[in-house]
Each structure stands twice: as C-alpha cells, then as structure tokens.
N, C-alpha and C. Protein backbone atom coordinates (compact mmCIF):
# COMPACT_ATOMS: atom_id res chain seq x y z
N UNK A 1 72.23 -13.42 -18.65
CA UNK A 1 71.31 -12.49 -18.03
C UNK A 1 70.14 -13.27 -17.45
N UNK A 2 69.88 -13.05 -16.17
CA UNK A 2 68.80 -13.75 -15.48
C UNK A 2 67.74 -12.74 -15.03
N UNK A 3 66.50 -13.07 -15.33
CA UNK A 3 65.38 -12.21 -14.92
C UNK A 3 64.58 -12.98 -13.88
N UNK A 4 64.38 -12.37 -12.76
CA UNK A 4 63.57 -13.02 -11.72
C UNK A 4 62.24 -12.30 -11.60
N UNK A 5 61.23 -13.06 -11.30
CA UNK A 5 59.88 -12.51 -11.17
C UNK A 5 59.44 -12.69 -9.73
N UNK A 6 59.04 -11.64 -9.12
CA UNK A 6 58.58 -11.68 -7.74
C UNK A 6 57.06 -11.79 -7.76
N UNK A 7 56.54 -12.95 -7.46
CA UNK A 7 55.09 -13.15 -7.51
C UNK A 7 54.38 -12.70 -6.24
N UNK A 8 55.12 -12.29 -5.25
CA UNK A 8 54.50 -11.85 -4.00
C UNK A 8 54.55 -10.33 -3.85
N UNK A 9 54.54 -9.62 -4.96
CA UNK A 9 54.59 -8.16 -4.88
C UNK A 9 53.27 -7.63 -4.31
N UNK A 10 53.36 -6.56 -3.61
CA UNK A 10 52.19 -5.96 -2.97
C UNK A 10 51.70 -4.76 -3.76
N UNK A 11 51.40 -4.97 -5.02
CA UNK A 11 50.89 -3.89 -5.85
C UNK A 11 49.38 -3.82 -5.62
N UNK A 12 48.93 -2.69 -5.10
CA UNK A 12 47.51 -2.47 -4.87
C UNK A 12 47.10 -1.15 -5.49
N UNK A 13 45.89 -1.10 -6.05
CA UNK A 13 45.45 0.18 -6.60
C UNK A 13 45.22 1.19 -5.48
N UNK A 14 45.44 2.46 -5.75
CA UNK A 14 45.23 3.48 -4.71
C UNK A 14 43.78 3.53 -4.25
N UNK A 15 43.59 3.85 -3.00
CA UNK A 15 42.23 3.89 -2.44
C UNK A 15 41.36 4.94 -3.11
N UNK A 16 41.96 6.05 -3.49
CA UNK A 16 41.17 7.10 -4.16
C UNK A 16 40.62 6.60 -5.49
N UNK A 17 41.41 5.83 -6.21
CA UNK A 17 40.95 5.29 -7.48
C UNK A 17 39.77 4.35 -7.25
N UNK A 18 39.88 3.48 -6.28
CA UNK A 18 38.78 2.56 -5.99
C UNK A 18 37.53 3.31 -5.55
N UNK A 19 37.69 4.31 -4.72
CA UNK A 19 36.55 5.11 -4.27
C UNK A 19 35.91 5.85 -5.44
N UNK A 20 36.72 6.39 -6.32
CA UNK A 20 36.21 7.10 -7.49
C UNK A 20 35.42 6.16 -8.39
N UNK A 21 35.94 4.98 -8.62
CA UNK A 21 35.23 4.00 -9.46
C UNK A 21 33.91 3.58 -8.83
N UNK A 22 33.92 3.36 -7.52
CA UNK A 22 32.70 2.96 -6.82
C UNK A 22 31.64 4.06 -6.89
N UNK A 23 32.03 5.30 -6.61
CA UNK A 23 31.07 6.40 -6.67
C UNK A 23 30.56 6.63 -8.09
N UNK A 24 31.41 6.48 -9.07
CA UNK A 24 30.98 6.64 -10.46
C UNK A 24 29.94 5.58 -10.83
N UNK A 25 30.18 4.36 -10.41
CA UNK A 25 29.22 3.29 -10.69
C UNK A 25 27.88 3.55 -10.01
N UNK A 26 27.92 4.05 -8.78
CA UNK A 26 26.68 4.35 -8.07
C UNK A 26 25.90 5.47 -8.77
N UNK A 27 26.59 6.52 -9.18
CA UNK A 27 25.90 7.63 -9.85
C UNK A 27 25.35 7.21 -11.21
N UNK A 28 26.02 6.31 -11.89
CA UNK A 28 25.52 5.85 -13.18
C UNK A 28 24.33 4.92 -13.05
N UNK A 29 24.28 4.14 -11.97
CA UNK A 29 23.20 3.17 -11.78
C UNK A 29 21.96 3.76 -11.11
N UNK A 30 22.09 4.87 -10.42
CA UNK A 30 20.98 5.46 -9.67
C UNK A 30 19.78 5.82 -10.56
N UNK A 31 19.96 6.49 -11.70
CA UNK A 31 18.80 6.82 -12.53
C UNK A 31 18.07 5.58 -13.05
N UNK A 32 18.81 4.55 -13.39
CA UNK A 32 18.19 3.32 -13.88
C UNK A 32 17.36 2.67 -12.79
N UNK A 33 17.85 2.69 -11.56
CA UNK A 33 17.11 2.11 -10.44
C UNK A 33 15.82 2.89 -10.20
N UNK A 34 15.86 4.21 -10.32
CA UNK A 34 14.66 5.03 -10.14
C UNK A 34 13.62 4.70 -11.21
N UNK A 35 14.05 4.52 -12.45
CA UNK A 35 13.11 4.19 -13.53
C UNK A 35 12.47 2.84 -13.28
N UNK A 36 13.25 1.87 -12.83
CA UNK A 36 12.70 0.54 -12.56
C UNK A 36 11.69 0.62 -11.42
N UNK A 37 12.03 1.33 -10.36
CA UNK A 37 11.13 1.47 -9.22
C UNK A 37 9.84 2.15 -9.64
N UNK A 38 9.94 3.18 -10.45
CA UNK A 38 8.76 3.91 -10.89
C UNK A 38 7.85 3.03 -11.74
N UNK A 39 8.42 2.24 -12.64
CA UNK A 39 7.60 1.39 -13.50
C UNK A 39 6.94 0.27 -12.71
N UNK A 40 7.60 -0.22 -11.68
CA UNK A 40 7.00 -1.27 -10.86
C UNK A 40 5.84 -0.70 -10.04
N UNK A 41 6.03 0.48 -9.48
CA UNK A 41 5.00 1.08 -8.64
C UNK A 41 3.79 1.53 -9.45
N UNK A 42 3.94 1.77 -10.74
CA UNK A 42 2.79 2.15 -11.57
C UNK A 42 1.79 1.01 -11.68
N UNK A 43 2.23 -0.23 -11.54
CA UNK A 43 1.34 -1.39 -11.68
C UNK A 43 0.69 -1.82 -10.38
N UNK A 44 1.04 -1.19 -9.27
CA UNK A 44 0.46 -1.56 -7.98
C UNK A 44 -0.83 -0.76 -7.79
N UNK A 45 -1.94 -1.46 -7.49
CA UNK A 45 -3.20 -0.73 -7.30
C UNK A 45 -3.18 0.13 -6.04
N UNK A 46 -4.00 1.17 -6.04
CA UNK A 46 -4.07 2.07 -4.90
C UNK A 46 -4.75 1.44 -3.69
N UNK A 47 -5.71 0.57 -3.96
CA UNK A 47 -6.43 -0.12 -2.87
C UNK A 47 -6.47 -1.61 -3.18
N UNK A 48 -6.50 -2.40 -2.14
CA UNK A 48 -6.58 -3.85 -2.30
C UNK A 48 -8.03 -4.30 -2.20
N UNK A 49 -8.34 -5.33 -2.92
CA UNK A 49 -9.68 -5.90 -2.84
C UNK A 49 -9.68 -6.97 -1.75
N UNK A 50 -10.66 -6.90 -0.85
CA UNK A 50 -10.75 -7.87 0.23
C UNK A 50 -11.86 -8.86 -0.11
N UNK A 51 -11.52 -10.14 -0.11
CA UNK A 51 -12.49 -11.19 -0.39
C UNK A 51 -13.37 -11.35 0.85
N UNK A 52 -14.67 -11.52 0.63
CA UNK A 52 -15.58 -11.65 1.77
C UNK A 52 -15.21 -12.85 2.62
N UNK A 53 -15.24 -12.66 3.93
CA UNK A 53 -14.88 -13.72 4.86
C UNK A 53 -13.41 -13.69 5.26
N UNK A 54 -12.64 -12.82 4.68
CA UNK A 54 -11.21 -12.72 4.98
C UNK A 54 -10.82 -11.33 5.49
N UNK A 55 -11.75 -10.60 6.10
CA UNK A 55 -11.45 -9.24 6.53
C UNK A 55 -10.77 -9.17 7.89
N UNK A 56 -10.86 -10.23 8.69
CA UNK A 56 -10.24 -10.23 10.02
C UNK A 56 -9.22 -11.37 10.11
N UNK A 57 -8.15 -11.17 10.84
CA UNK A 57 -7.12 -12.22 10.96
C UNK A 57 -7.67 -13.53 11.56
N UNK A 58 -8.62 -13.44 12.50
CA UNK A 58 -9.17 -14.66 13.10
C UNK A 58 -9.94 -15.49 12.08
N UNK A 59 -10.68 -14.83 11.20
CA UNK A 59 -11.43 -15.57 10.19
C UNK A 59 -10.50 -16.24 9.19
N UNK A 60 -9.39 -15.61 8.88
CA UNK A 60 -8.42 -16.22 7.97
C UNK A 60 -7.79 -17.44 8.63
N UNK A 61 -7.45 -17.33 9.91
CA UNK A 61 -6.86 -18.47 10.64
C UNK A 61 -7.83 -19.63 10.69
N UNK A 62 -9.11 -19.35 10.94
CA UNK A 62 -10.13 -20.41 11.01
C UNK A 62 -10.29 -21.10 9.65
N UNK A 63 -10.29 -20.35 8.58
CA UNK A 63 -10.46 -20.94 7.25
C UNK A 63 -9.23 -21.78 6.85
N UNK A 64 -8.04 -21.32 7.23
CA UNK A 64 -6.85 -22.07 6.87
C UNK A 64 -6.67 -23.32 7.72
N UNK A 65 -7.27 -23.33 8.91
CA UNK A 65 -7.15 -24.52 9.78
C UNK A 65 -8.00 -25.60 9.20
C-alpha cells in the first residue's frame, strides 16, 4: 500500500471565515483603543505655554540661526 502526499494542494480558508475573524478582531479591539486614546488625551493641557521671545515664527528662526 502506497500513500502519496500532494504538497501543492490549494486548500484555502473560505473568504467569509476570514472576513468574520477580521471583523471580530476589530470589534474586540475598538473599546481598548478608545480607552487608550481617552487616557492619553486626559494628560494633554488645554492651552500651551508660550516662552517669551518665541511667539512669532520669525523670532524662532532668528534664535535658532
């Protein structure tokens, strides 16, 4: 009795299965991403402090030159 193995078989998962897995992963990760975004934005100040002498782009260019 001889058993042959075909290593070039074209077995592919169905597209619906792949789409279902992808959408499930997206729905599971979305709430975690929102929590991360919310916690990062809580640490950002509402207004920026401007150091004197750096209020205009020309003055910044002159100081850096």
